[in-house]
Amino acid sequence: MSFYDRWILPQLVDLCLRNKEATRYREKIIPGACGTILEIGIGSGLNLPFYGASVEKLYGLDPSEELLGMARKKARNVSFPVEFLNRSGTEIPLDGRSLDVVVTTWTLCSIPDPIKALEEMRRVLKPEGVLIFAEHGLAPELAVQKWQRRLNPLWNRIGGGCNLDRKMDALIAAAGFAITDLVTEYAKGPRPLSYVYCGRARPA
């Protein structure tokens, strides 16, 4: 792992995802998670303050030990148990059909194999379980898509593998989920970076 990836990137990720628009989406979707929950890409723990009293246990998974260190500090202030898993989203070390909810926020953009990760999320969810997501991705306008694809190689390198041009609803459906609620819109910010897919899905 390079110096940039280990020491600089985690700080940048934490700083960038503290913005008001990301917080607005967190406030909207995270309180709806209840029971036994897995958060994929928990990062520095920015979602932790928004979980409600109906959480029984939270598993927080992330491949970055540096980001998990930040999340552990935030977890001291929540009332429910949190267990951290230093793993990739493509290899979830939990039993199948064991979780009520899986949460993913601004994470699917950077997983090298998002379909495999989503299939793992479906595997660990109970049949009646719910995937709650807020992700950025491919915009509907061709002009914006062109800019997303032009910027993507550079953005991918400096953003820890983040991709601007993934069509998130199509990926979720391709992994065996049925989307039950979906809002797509531009958040505030440069259009190539800010097209958001926000919603809920169930194992199909």
N, C-alpha and C. Protein backbone atom coordinates (compact mmCIF):
# COMPACT_ATOMS: atom_id res chain seq x y z
N MET A 1 0.84 -1.19 0.00
CA MET A 1 0.00 0.00 0.00
C MET A 1 0.88 1.25 0.00
N SER A 2 0.55 2.21 -0.86
CA SER A 2 1.36 3.42 -0.97
C SER A 2 1.12 4.36 0.22
N PHE A 3 2.03 5.30 0.39
CA PHE A 3 1.89 6.32 1.44
C PHE A 3 0.59 7.09 1.25
N TYR A 4 0.28 7.44 0.00
CA TYR A 4 -0.95 8.18 -0.31
C TYR A 4 -2.18 7.39 0.14
N ASP A 5 -2.24 6.10 -0.26
CA ASP A 5 -3.41 5.27 0.05
C ASP A 5 -3.57 5.06 1.55
N ARG A 6 -2.45 4.94 2.26
CA ARG A 6 -2.54 4.62 3.68
C ARG A 6 -2.79 5.83 4.57
N TRP A 7 -2.17 6.95 4.27
CA TRP A 7 -2.21 8.08 5.19
C TRP A 7 -3.00 9.28 4.68
N ILE A 8 -2.97 9.55 3.38
CA ILE A 8 -3.63 10.75 2.85
C ILE A 8 -5.06 10.46 2.42
N LEU A 9 -5.27 9.37 1.66
CA LEU A 9 -6.60 9.06 1.14
C LEU A 9 -7.65 8.91 2.24
N PRO A 10 -7.40 8.19 3.33
CA PRO A 10 -8.44 8.09 4.37
C PRO A 10 -8.88 9.44 4.91
N GLN A 11 -7.94 10.36 5.07
CA GLN A 11 -8.30 11.70 5.56
C GLN A 11 -9.13 12.46 4.54
N LEU A 12 -8.78 12.30 3.25
CA LEU A 12 -9.54 12.96 2.19
C LEU A 12 -10.96 12.40 2.09
N VAL A 13 -11.08 11.07 2.19
CA VAL A 13 -12.40 10.43 2.13
C VAL A 13 -13.28 10.95 3.25
N ASP A 14 -12.74 10.97 4.45
CA ASP A 14 -13.50 11.46 5.61
C ASP A 14 -13.91 12.91 5.41
N LEU A 15 -13.00 13.74 4.95
CA LEU A 15 -13.30 15.16 4.75
C LEU A 15 -14.36 15.38 3.68
N CYS A 16 -14.21 14.71 2.53
CA CYS A 16 -15.13 14.90 1.41
C CYS A 16 -16.55 14.44 1.75
N LEU A 17 -16.67 13.36 2.50
CA LEU A 17 -18.00 12.80 2.78
C LEU A 17 -18.67 13.44 3.99
N ARG A 18 -18.06 14.47 4.56
CA ARG A 18 -18.69 15.23 5.63
C ARG A 18 -19.58 16.36 5.09
N ASN A 19 -19.65 16.52 3.78
CA ASN A 19 -20.36 17.67 3.21
C ASN A 19 -21.86 17.64 3.51
N LYS A 20 -22.50 18.80 3.38
CA LYS A 20 -23.91 18.96 3.74
C LYS A 20 -24.83 18.06 2.91
N GLU A 21 -24.52 17.89 1.63
CA GLU A 21 -25.38 17.07 0.78
C GLU A 21 -25.33 15.60 1.20
N ALA A 22 -24.14 15.09 1.46
CA ALA A 22 -24.03 13.70 1.93
C ALA A 22 -24.76 13.54 3.25
N THR A 23 -24.64 14.51 4.13
CA THR A 23 -25.32 14.45 5.42
C THR A 23 -26.83 14.46 5.24
N ARG A 24 -27.32 15.21 4.27
CA ARG A 24 -28.77 15.25 4.01
C ARG A 24 -29.30 13.87 3.63
N TYR A 25 -28.56 13.15 2.80
CA TYR A 25 -29.00 11.80 2.43
C TYR A 25 -28.87 10.83 3.60
N ARG A 26 -27.84 10.97 4.40
CA ARG A 26 -27.71 10.12 5.60
C ARG A 26 -28.93 10.30 6.51
N GLU A 27 -29.30 11.55 6.76
CA GLU A 27 -30.44 11.84 7.63
C GLU A 27 -31.73 11.24 7.07
N LYS A 28 -31.80 11.11 5.76
CA LYS A 28 -33.00 10.62 5.11
C LYS A 28 -33.13 9.10 5.21
N ILE A 29 -32.02 8.36 5.03
CA ILE A 29 -32.15 6.91 4.87
C ILE A 29 -31.68 6.09 6.08
N ILE A 30 -30.69 6.55 6.81
CA ILE A 30 -30.11 5.72 7.87
C ILE A 30 -31.08 5.43 9.01
N PRO A 31 -31.92 6.37 9.45
CA PRO A 31 -32.85 6.04 10.54
C PRO A 31 -33.82 4.91 10.21
N GLY A 32 -33.99 4.57 8.94
CA GLY A 32 -34.88 3.47 8.56
C GLY A 32 -34.29 2.10 8.75
N ALA A 33 -33.03 2.01 9.14
CA ALA A 33 -32.37 0.72 9.36
C ALA A 33 -32.65 0.23 10.78
N CYS A 34 -33.04 -1.05 10.93
CA CYS A 34 -33.35 -1.57 12.25
C CYS A 34 -32.93 -3.05 12.33
N GLY A 35 -32.88 -3.56 13.55
CA GLY A 35 -32.51 -4.95 13.76
C GLY A 35 -31.01 -5.15 13.69
N THR A 36 -30.60 -6.25 13.08
CA THR A 36 -29.19 -6.57 12.91
C THR A 36 -28.76 -6.07 11.54
N ILE A 37 -27.75 -5.20 11.51
CA ILE A 37 -27.41 -4.43 10.31
C ILE A 37 -25.95 -4.64 9.95
N LEU A 38 -25.68 -4.67 8.66
CA LEU A 38 -24.32 -4.63 8.13
C LEU A 38 -24.18 -3.36 7.30
N GLU A 39 -23.19 -2.55 7.64
CA GLU A 39 -22.87 -1.40 6.79
C GLU A 39 -21.62 -1.72 5.99
N ILE A 40 -21.77 -1.73 4.68
CA ILE A 40 -20.66 -1.98 3.76
C ILE A 40 -19.94 -0.66 3.50
N GLY A 41 -18.63 -0.64 3.70
CA GLY A 41 -17.89 0.61 3.52
C GLY A 41 -18.23 1.62 4.60
N ILE A 42 -18.15 1.18 5.85
CA ILE A 42 -18.49 2.09 6.95
C ILE A 42 -17.52 3.26 7.04
N GLY A 43 -16.34 3.10 6.46
CA GLY A 43 -15.39 4.20 6.40
C GLY A 43 -15.05 4.74 7.78
N SER A 44 -15.12 6.06 7.93
CA SER A 44 -14.78 6.71 9.19
C SER A 44 -15.96 6.77 10.15
N GLY A 45 -17.09 6.13 9.79
CA GLY A 45 -18.23 6.06 10.70
C GLY A 45 -19.17 7.24 10.65
N LEU A 46 -19.25 7.92 9.51
CA LEU A 46 -20.09 9.11 9.42
C LEU A 46 -21.58 8.81 9.51
N ASN A 47 -21.99 7.57 9.24
CA ASN A 47 -23.41 7.21 9.38
C ASN A 47 -23.80 6.92 10.82
N LEU A 48 -22.85 6.64 11.69
CA LEU A 48 -23.17 6.15 13.03
C LEU A 48 -24.14 7.03 13.82
N PRO A 49 -24.02 8.36 13.79
CA PRO A 49 -24.94 9.17 14.59
C PRO A 49 -26.39 9.12 14.13
N PHE A 50 -26.65 8.58 12.94
CA PHE A 50 -28.00 8.63 12.38
C PHE A 50 -28.80 7.34 12.58
N TYR A 51 -28.15 6.31 13.11
CA TYR A 51 -28.89 5.07 13.41
C TYR A 51 -29.77 5.30 14.64
N GLY A 52 -30.98 4.67 14.61
CA GLY A 52 -31.94 4.89 15.67
C GLY A 52 -31.91 3.85 16.77
N ALA A 53 -32.88 3.96 17.67
CA ALA A 53 -32.94 3.09 18.85
C ALA A 53 -33.31 1.65 18.52
N SER A 54 -33.81 1.41 17.31
CA SER A 54 -34.24 0.06 16.93
C SER A 54 -33.09 -0.81 16.40
N VAL A 55 -31.87 -0.30 16.42
CA VAL A 55 -30.71 -1.10 16.02
C VAL A 55 -30.34 -2.05 17.16
N GLU A 56 -30.25 -3.34 16.83
CA GLU A 56 -29.84 -4.34 17.82
C GLU A 56 -28.33 -4.56 17.80
N LYS A 57 -27.76 -4.62 16.59
CA LYS A 57 -26.32 -4.74 16.44
C LYS A 57 -25.94 -4.26 15.05
N LEU A 58 -24.78 -3.63 14.97
CA LEU A 58 -24.27 -3.15 13.69
C LEU A 58 -22.91 -3.78 13.42
N TYR A 59 -22.77 -4.38 12.25
CA TYR A 59 -21.47 -4.79 11.74
C TYR A 59 -20.99 -3.71 10.78
N GLY A 60 -19.79 -3.22 10.99
CA GLY A 60 -19.22 -2.21 10.11
C GLY A 60 -18.04 -2.76 9.35
N LEU A 61 -18.18 -2.91 8.04
CA LEU A 61 -17.16 -3.55 7.21
C LEU A 61 -16.45 -2.51 6.36
N ASP A 62 -15.13 -2.58 6.32
CA ASP A 62 -14.34 -1.69 5.47
C ASP A 62 -12.94 -2.29 5.27
N PRO A 63 -12.37 -2.16 4.06
CA PRO A 63 -11.02 -2.69 3.84
C PRO A 63 -9.91 -1.80 4.38
N SER A 64 -10.24 -0.58 4.81
CA SER A 64 -9.21 0.36 5.28
C SER A 64 -9.14 0.34 6.81
N GLU A 65 -8.05 -0.15 7.34
CA GLU A 65 -7.86 -0.16 8.80
C GLU A 65 -7.75 1.26 9.33
N GLU A 66 -7.23 2.18 8.52
CA GLU A 66 -7.10 3.57 8.96
C GLU A 66 -8.48 4.21 9.15
N LEU A 67 -9.39 3.98 8.19
CA LEU A 67 -10.74 4.51 8.33
C LEU A 67 -11.48 3.84 9.48
N LEU A 68 -11.29 2.54 9.65
CA LEU A 68 -11.93 1.84 10.76
C LEU A 68 -11.48 2.40 12.10
N GLY A 69 -10.22 2.83 12.18
CA GLY A 69 -9.74 3.44 13.41
C GLY A 69 -10.54 4.69 13.76
N MET A 70 -10.87 5.49 12.73
CA MET A 70 -11.70 6.67 12.97
C MET A 70 -13.11 6.27 13.41
N ALA A 71 -13.64 5.22 12.77
CA ALA A 71 -15.00 4.77 13.10
C ALA A 71 -15.09 4.23 14.52
N ARG A 72 -14.05 3.55 14.96
CA ARG A 72 -14.06 3.00 16.33
C ARG A 72 -14.22 4.11 17.36
N LYS A 73 -13.61 5.25 17.12
CA LYS A 73 -13.75 6.37 18.06
C LYS A 73 -15.19 6.88 18.09
N LYS A 74 -15.83 6.98 16.93
CA LYS A 74 -17.22 7.44 16.88
C LYS A 74 -18.16 6.43 17.52
N ALA A 75 -17.82 5.14 17.42
CA ALA A 75 -18.69 4.09 17.95
C ALA A 75 -18.80 4.13 19.47
N ARG A 76 -17.90 4.82 20.13
CA ARG A 76 -17.98 4.95 21.59
C ARG A 76 -19.20 5.74 22.02
N ASN A 77 -19.78 6.50 21.09
CA ASN A 77 -20.89 7.38 21.44
C ASN A 77 -22.25 6.83 21.05
N VAL A 78 -22.33 5.58 20.59
CA VAL A 78 -23.62 5.00 20.22
C VAL A 78 -24.06 4.01 21.30
N SER A 79 -25.37 3.73 21.33
CA SER A 79 -25.94 2.91 22.39
C SER A 79 -26.05 1.43 22.03
N PHE A 80 -25.71 1.06 20.80
CA PHE A 80 -25.84 -0.32 20.35
C PHE A 80 -24.44 -0.91 20.11
N PRO A 81 -24.32 -2.23 20.14
CA PRO A 81 -23.01 -2.85 19.90
C PRO A 81 -22.59 -2.73 18.44
N VAL A 82 -21.31 -2.46 18.23
CA VAL A 82 -20.75 -2.37 16.88
C VAL A 82 -19.56 -3.31 16.80
N GLU A 83 -19.55 -4.15 15.77
CA GLU A 83 -18.42 -5.04 15.51
C GLU A 83 -17.81 -4.67 14.16
N PHE A 84 -16.53 -4.37 14.14
CA PHE A 84 -15.87 -3.94 12.92
C PHE A 84 -15.20 -5.12 12.22
N LEU A 85 -15.33 -5.13 10.90
CA LEU A 85 -14.78 -6.19 10.06
C LEU A 85 -13.86 -5.56 9.03
N ASN A 86 -12.57 -5.84 9.12
CA ASN A 86 -11.59 -5.28 8.18
C ASN A 86 -11.50 -6.19 6.96
N ARG A 87 -12.53 -6.09 6.11
CA ARG A 87 -12.63 -6.94 4.94
C ARG A 87 -13.22 -6.17 3.77
N SER A 88 -13.12 -6.78 2.59
CA SER A 88 -13.73 -6.23 1.39
C SER A 88 -15.21 -6.62 1.31
N GLY A 89 -15.97 -5.82 0.60
CA GLY A 89 -17.38 -6.12 0.41
C GLY A 89 -17.64 -7.36 -0.42
N THR A 90 -16.62 -7.87 -1.08
CA THR A 90 -16.80 -9.08 -1.90
C THR A 90 -16.57 -10.35 -1.10
N GLU A 91 -16.22 -10.22 0.19
CA GLU A 91 -16.00 -11.40 1.03
C GLU A 91 -16.51 -11.12 2.44
N ILE A 92 -17.81 -11.13 2.59
CA ILE A 92 -18.44 -10.79 3.86
C ILE A 92 -18.39 -12.01 4.79
N PRO A 93 -17.72 -11.90 5.94
CA PRO A 93 -17.53 -13.06 6.82
C PRO A 93 -18.70 -13.27 7.78
N LEU A 94 -19.93 -13.32 7.24
CA LEU A 94 -21.13 -13.53 8.04
C LEU A 94 -21.98 -14.62 7.41
N ASP A 95 -22.80 -15.25 8.24
CA ASP A 95 -23.65 -16.34 7.75
C ASP A 95 -24.71 -15.84 6.79
N GLY A 96 -25.12 -16.70 5.89
CA GLY A 96 -26.19 -16.38 4.97
C GLY A 96 -27.51 -16.21 5.70
N ARG A 97 -28.34 -15.32 5.15
CA ARG A 97 -29.69 -15.07 5.67
C ARG A 97 -29.69 -14.74 7.16
N SER A 98 -28.73 -13.94 7.59
CA SER A 98 -28.59 -13.63 9.01
C SER A 98 -28.86 -12.17 9.37
N LEU A 99 -29.08 -11.31 8.37
CA LEU A 99 -29.18 -9.87 8.63
C LEU A 99 -30.53 -9.30 8.21
N ASP A 100 -30.96 -8.30 8.95
CA ASP A 100 -32.21 -7.61 8.61
C ASP A 100 -32.01 -6.54 7.55
N VAL A 101 -30.85 -5.85 7.63
CA VAL A 101 -30.61 -4.71 6.75
C VAL A 101 -29.13 -4.68 6.36
N VAL A 102 -28.88 -4.33 5.10
CA VAL A 102 -27.54 -3.96 4.65
C VAL A 102 -27.61 -2.51 4.18
N VAL A 103 -26.64 -1.72 4.62
CA VAL A 103 -26.57 -0.29 4.26
C VAL A 103 -25.31 -0.06 3.44
N THR A 104 -25.46 0.69 2.36
CA THR A 104 -24.29 1.10 1.58
C THR A 104 -24.47 2.55 1.13
N THR A 105 -23.51 3.39 1.50
CA THR A 105 -23.56 4.81 1.12
C THR A 105 -22.22 5.21 0.53
N TRP A 106 -22.24 5.65 -0.71
CA TRP A 106 -21.04 6.10 -1.43
C TRP A 106 -19.92 5.06 -1.33
N THR A 107 -20.28 3.83 -1.63
CA THR A 107 -19.36 2.70 -1.49
C THR A 107 -19.26 1.87 -2.76
N LEU A 108 -20.39 1.62 -3.43
CA LEU A 108 -20.38 0.76 -4.62
C LEU A 108 -19.54 1.36 -5.74
N CYS A 109 -19.31 2.66 -5.69
CA CYS A 109 -18.50 3.31 -6.73
C CYS A 109 -17.05 2.86 -6.69
N SER A 110 -16.58 2.39 -5.54
CA SER A 110 -15.14 2.10 -5.39
C SER A 110 -14.82 0.61 -5.23
N ILE A 111 -15.83 -0.25 -5.14
CA ILE A 111 -15.58 -1.69 -5.03
C ILE A 111 -15.21 -2.21 -6.43
N PRO A 112 -14.07 -2.88 -6.58
CA PRO A 112 -13.66 -3.33 -7.92
C PRO A 112 -14.68 -4.22 -8.63
N ASP A 113 -15.37 -5.09 -7.89
CA ASP A 113 -16.37 -5.98 -8.47
C ASP A 113 -17.70 -5.74 -7.75
N PRO A 114 -18.45 -4.71 -8.16
CA PRO A 114 -19.68 -4.37 -7.42
C PRO A 114 -20.75 -5.44 -7.50
N ILE A 115 -20.84 -6.18 -8.61
CA ILE A 115 -21.83 -7.24 -8.71
C ILE A 115 -21.55 -8.33 -7.68
N LYS A 116 -20.31 -8.74 -7.56
CA LYS A 116 -19.96 -9.77 -6.58
C LYS A 116 -20.27 -9.28 -5.17
N ALA A 117 -19.96 -8.03 -4.89
CA ALA A 117 -20.26 -7.47 -3.56
C ALA A 117 -21.76 -7.46 -3.30
N LEU A 118 -22.53 -7.05 -4.27
CA LEU A 118 -23.98 -7.02 -4.12
C LEU A 118 -24.55 -8.43 -3.95
N GLU A 119 -24.00 -9.38 -4.65
CA GLU A 119 -24.43 -10.77 -4.47
C GLU A 119 -24.14 -11.27 -3.06
N GLU A 120 -23.01 -10.84 -2.50
CA GLU A 120 -22.68 -11.17 -1.12
C GLU A 120 -23.69 -10.50 -0.16
N MET A 121 -24.06 -9.27 -0.45
CA MET A 121 -25.05 -8.59 0.38
C MET A 121 -26.38 -9.33 0.34
N ARG A 122 -26.76 -9.79 -0.84
CA ARG A 122 -28.02 -10.55 -0.95
C ARG A 122 -27.92 -11.87 -0.19
N ARG A 123 -26.74 -12.50 -0.23
CA ARG A 123 -26.56 -13.79 0.47
C ARG A 123 -26.77 -13.64 1.97
N VAL A 124 -26.26 -12.56 2.57
CA VAL A 124 -26.34 -12.44 4.03
C VAL A 124 -27.66 -11.85 4.51
N LEU A 125 -28.47 -11.32 3.61
CA LEU A 125 -29.77 -10.78 4.01
C LEU A 125 -30.80 -11.89 4.19
N LYS A 126 -31.65 -11.72 5.17
CA LYS A 126 -32.82 -12.59 5.31
C LYS A 126 -33.72 -12.40 4.08
N PRO A 127 -34.56 -13.40 3.77
CA PRO A 127 -35.44 -13.25 2.58
C PRO A 127 -36.28 -11.98 2.63
N GLU A 128 -36.67 -11.56 3.83
CA GLU A 128 -37.46 -10.33 3.97
C GLU A 128 -36.59 -9.12 4.28
N GLY A 129 -35.27 -9.28 4.19
CA GLY A 129 -34.35 -8.19 4.52
C GLY A 129 -34.36 -7.08 3.49
N VAL A 130 -33.66 -5.99 3.82
CA VAL A 130 -33.69 -4.78 3.00
C VAL A 130 -32.27 -4.27 2.76
N LEU A 131 -32.01 -3.89 1.53
CA LEU A 131 -30.80 -3.14 1.18
C LEU A 131 -31.17 -1.66 1.12
N ILE A 132 -30.50 -0.84 1.90
CA ILE A 132 -30.71 0.61 1.90
C ILE A 132 -29.47 1.25 1.30
N PHE A 133 -29.65 2.11 0.30
CA PHE A 133 -28.48 2.63 -0.41
C PHE A 133 -28.63 4.10 -0.78
N ALA A 134 -27.48 4.78 -0.80
CA ALA A 134 -27.34 6.12 -1.39
C ALA A 134 -25.98 6.11 -2.07
N GLU A 135 -25.98 6.22 -3.38
CA GLU A 135 -24.76 6.10 -4.18
C GLU A 135 -24.77 7.16 -5.27
N HIS A 136 -23.59 7.54 -5.73
CA HIS A 136 -23.52 8.41 -6.91
C HIS A 136 -23.13 7.57 -8.11
N GLY A 137 -23.48 8.04 -9.30
CA GLY A 137 -23.16 7.24 -10.48
C GLY A 137 -23.53 7.91 -11.78
N LEU A 138 -23.79 7.08 -12.79
CA LEU A 138 -24.01 7.54 -14.15
C LEU A 138 -25.23 8.44 -14.25
N ALA A 139 -25.04 9.60 -14.83
CA ALA A 139 -26.12 10.56 -15.04
C ALA A 139 -26.93 10.18 -16.29
N PRO A 140 -28.16 10.68 -16.42
CA PRO A 140 -28.98 10.33 -17.58
C PRO A 140 -28.64 11.10 -18.85
N GLU A 141 -28.09 12.32 -18.70
CA GLU A 141 -27.82 13.13 -19.89
C GLU A 141 -26.52 12.72 -20.56
N LEU A 142 -26.55 12.61 -21.88
CA LEU A 142 -25.36 12.17 -22.62
C LEU A 142 -24.18 13.12 -22.43
N ALA A 143 -24.46 14.41 -22.38
CA ALA A 143 -23.37 15.38 -22.23
C ALA A 143 -22.66 15.20 -20.88
N VAL A 144 -23.43 14.94 -19.84
CA VAL A 144 -22.82 14.71 -18.53
C VAL A 144 -22.08 13.37 -18.52
N GLN A 145 -22.67 12.36 -19.15
CA GLN A 145 -22.00 11.05 -19.22
C GLN A 145 -20.63 11.16 -19.89
N LYS A 146 -20.56 11.98 -20.95
CA LYS A 146 -19.27 12.14 -21.64
C LYS A 146 -18.22 12.70 -20.70
N TRP A 147 -18.61 13.68 -19.88
CA TRP A 147 -17.66 14.24 -18.93
C TRP A 147 -17.30 13.23 -17.85
N GLN A 148 -18.28 12.45 -17.41
CA GLN A 148 -17.99 11.42 -16.41
C GLN A 148 -16.95 10.43 -16.92
N ARG A 149 -17.08 10.04 -18.18
CA ARG A 149 -16.15 9.06 -18.73
C ARG A 149 -14.78 9.67 -19.04
N ARG A 150 -14.78 10.96 -19.37
CA ARG A 150 -13.49 11.64 -19.56
C ARG A 150 -12.73 11.76 -18.24
N LEU A 151 -13.44 12.12 -17.19
CA LEU A 151 -12.82 12.35 -15.90
C LEU A 151 -12.50 11.07 -15.15
N ASN A 152 -13.19 9.99 -15.50
CA ASN A 152 -13.12 8.78 -14.67
C ASN A 152 -11.72 8.22 -14.46
N PRO A 153 -10.87 8.13 -15.49
CA PRO A 153 -9.53 7.55 -15.24
C PRO A 153 -8.73 8.30 -14.19
N LEU A 154 -8.74 9.64 -14.26
CA LEU A 154 -8.02 10.43 -13.27
C LEU A 154 -8.70 10.35 -11.91
N TRP A 155 -10.03 10.48 -11.89
CA TRP A 155 -10.78 10.43 -10.64
C TRP A 155 -10.56 9.09 -9.93
N ASN A 156 -10.52 8.02 -10.70
CA ASN A 156 -10.31 6.69 -10.16
C ASN A 156 -8.98 6.59 -9.43
N ARG A 157 -7.95 7.21 -10.00
CA ARG A 157 -6.61 7.14 -9.40
C ARG A 157 -6.51 7.95 -8.12
N ILE A 158 -7.07 9.15 -8.12
CA ILE A 158 -6.92 10.01 -6.94
C ILE A 158 -8.00 9.73 -5.89
N GLY A 159 -9.07 9.05 -6.28
CA GLY A 159 -10.20 8.84 -5.37
C GLY A 159 -10.30 7.44 -4.80
N GLY A 160 -9.19 6.72 -4.75
CA GLY A 160 -9.21 5.41 -4.12
C GLY A 160 -10.03 4.38 -4.86
N GLY A 161 -10.05 4.48 -6.20
CA GLY A 161 -10.81 3.52 -7.00
C GLY A 161 -12.24 3.93 -7.28
N CYS A 162 -12.62 5.15 -6.89
CA CYS A 162 -13.99 5.62 -7.12
C CYS A 162 -14.26 5.79 -8.61
N ASN A 163 -15.43 5.33 -9.05
CA ASN A 163 -15.87 5.45 -10.44
C ASN A 163 -17.08 6.37 -10.54
N LEU A 164 -17.08 7.22 -11.54
CA LEU A 164 -18.16 8.18 -11.72
C LEU A 164 -19.30 7.66 -12.59
N ASP A 165 -19.08 6.56 -13.32
CA ASP A 165 -20.00 6.20 -14.40
C ASP A 165 -20.67 4.84 -14.23
N ARG A 166 -20.91 4.43 -13.00
CA ARG A 166 -21.63 3.18 -12.77
C ARG A 166 -23.13 3.46 -12.63
N LYS A 167 -23.94 2.67 -13.35
CA LYS A 167 -25.39 2.84 -13.28
C LYS A 167 -25.90 1.98 -12.12
N MET A 168 -26.07 2.60 -11.01
CA MET A 168 -26.25 1.86 -9.76
C MET A 168 -27.53 1.04 -9.72
N ASP A 169 -28.63 1.56 -10.24
CA ASP A 169 -29.86 0.77 -10.20
C ASP A 169 -29.75 -0.50 -11.04
N ALA A 170 -29.05 -0.41 -12.16
CA ALA A 170 -28.86 -1.59 -13.01
C ALA A 170 -27.96 -2.62 -12.32
N LEU A 171 -26.93 -2.16 -11.62
CA LEU A 171 -26.05 -3.09 -10.90
C LEU A 171 -26.81 -3.80 -9.79
N ILE A 172 -27.61 -3.07 -9.05
CA ILE A 172 -28.38 -3.65 -7.95
C ILE A 172 -29.35 -4.70 -8.48
N ALA A 173 -30.03 -4.39 -9.56
CA ALA A 173 -30.96 -5.36 -10.15
C ALA A 173 -30.23 -6.57 -10.71
N ALA A 174 -29.08 -6.36 -11.32
CA ALA A 174 -28.33 -7.47 -11.91
C ALA A 174 -27.82 -8.45 -10.86
N ALA A 175 -27.68 -7.99 -9.62
CA ALA A 175 -27.20 -8.84 -8.54
C ALA A 175 -28.33 -9.60 -7.84
N GLY A 176 -29.55 -9.48 -8.35
CA GLY A 176 -30.65 -10.26 -7.80
C GLY A 176 -31.52 -9.53 -6.79
N PHE A 177 -31.54 -8.22 -6.86
CA PHE A 177 -32.41 -7.42 -5.99
C PHE A 177 -33.58 -6.86 -6.80
N ALA A 178 -34.69 -6.69 -6.11
CA ALA A 178 -35.83 -5.96 -6.67
C ALA A 178 -35.90 -4.61 -5.97
N ILE A 179 -35.73 -3.54 -6.71
CA ILE A 179 -35.76 -2.20 -6.13
C ILE A 179 -37.20 -1.81 -5.82
N THR A 180 -37.45 -1.45 -4.56
CA THR A 180 -38.81 -1.10 -4.13
C THR A 180 -39.03 0.40 -4.03
N ASP A 181 -37.97 1.14 -3.79
CA ASP A 181 -38.03 2.61 -3.73
C ASP A 181 -36.77 3.16 -4.37
N LEU A 182 -36.93 4.17 -5.21
CA LEU A 182 -35.76 4.76 -5.86
C LEU A 182 -36.00 6.23 -6.17
N VAL A 183 -35.08 7.05 -5.73
CA VAL A 183 -35.05 8.48 -6.10
C VAL A 183 -33.72 8.72 -6.81
N THR A 184 -33.77 9.31 -7.98
CA THR A 184 -32.55 9.68 -8.70
C THR A 184 -32.60 11.19 -8.95
N GLU A 185 -31.49 11.85 -8.65
CA GLU A 185 -31.48 13.31 -8.77
C GLU A 185 -30.05 13.81 -8.67
N TYR A 186 -29.86 15.05 -9.06
CA TYR A 186 -28.57 15.70 -8.86
C TYR A 186 -28.54 16.32 -7.48
N ALA A 187 -27.54 15.98 -6.71
CA ALA A 187 -27.26 16.71 -5.48
C ALA A 187 -26.55 18.01 -5.86
N LYS A 188 -26.38 18.89 -4.92
CA LYS A 188 -25.65 20.12 -5.18
C LYS A 188 -24.18 19.79 -5.44
N GLY A 189 -23.63 20.39 -6.49
CA GLY A 189 -22.24 20.13 -6.82
C GLY A 189 -22.07 19.93 -8.32
N PRO A 190 -20.84 19.74 -8.78
CA PRO A 190 -20.59 19.53 -10.21
C PRO A 190 -21.36 18.30 -10.72
N ARG A 191 -22.04 18.45 -11.82
CA ARG A 191 -22.93 17.38 -12.29
C ARG A 191 -22.23 16.05 -12.54
N PRO A 192 -21.03 16.01 -13.07
CA PRO A 192 -20.39 14.70 -13.27
C PRO A 192 -20.14 13.94 -11.97
N LEU A 193 -20.14 14.65 -10.84
CA LEU A 193 -19.82 14.04 -9.55
C LEU A 193 -21.04 13.83 -8.67
N SER A 194 -22.21 14.31 -9.06
CA SER A 194 -23.27 14.47 -8.08
C SER A 194 -24.61 13.83 -8.42
N TYR A 195 -24.65 12.91 -9.40
CA TYR A 195 -25.93 12.26 -9.69
C TYR A 195 -26.12 11.11 -8.70
N VAL A 196 -27.22 11.17 -7.94
CA VAL A 196 -27.42 10.27 -6.80
C VAL A 196 -28.54 9.28 -7.07
N TYR A 197 -28.29 8.03 -6.65
CA TYR A 197 -29.30 6.97 -6.63
C TYR A 197 -29.56 6.65 -5.16
N CYS A 198 -30.78 6.85 -4.68
CA CYS A 198 -31.09 6.68 -3.27
C CYS A 198 -32.36 5.85 -3.14
N GLY A 199 -32.31 4.76 -2.35
CA GLY A 199 -33.51 3.96 -2.24
C GLY A 199 -33.36 2.71 -1.40
N ARG A 200 -34.27 1.76 -1.67
CA ARG A 200 -34.32 0.50 -0.95
C ARG A 200 -34.57 -0.63 -1.94
N ALA A 201 -34.09 -1.83 -1.59
CA ALA A 201 -34.28 -3.00 -2.45
C ALA A 201 -34.39 -4.23 -1.57
N ARG A 202 -35.00 -5.26 -2.12
CA ARG A 202 -35.14 -6.55 -1.40
C ARG A 202 -34.59 -7.68 -2.28
N PRO A 203 -34.13 -8.76 -1.63
CA PRO A 203 -33.71 -9.90 -2.44
C PRO A 203 -34.85 -10.38 -3.33
N ALA A 204 -34.59 -10.53 -4.60
CA ALA A 204 -35.65 -10.92 -5.55
C ALA A 204 -35.99 -12.40 -5.38
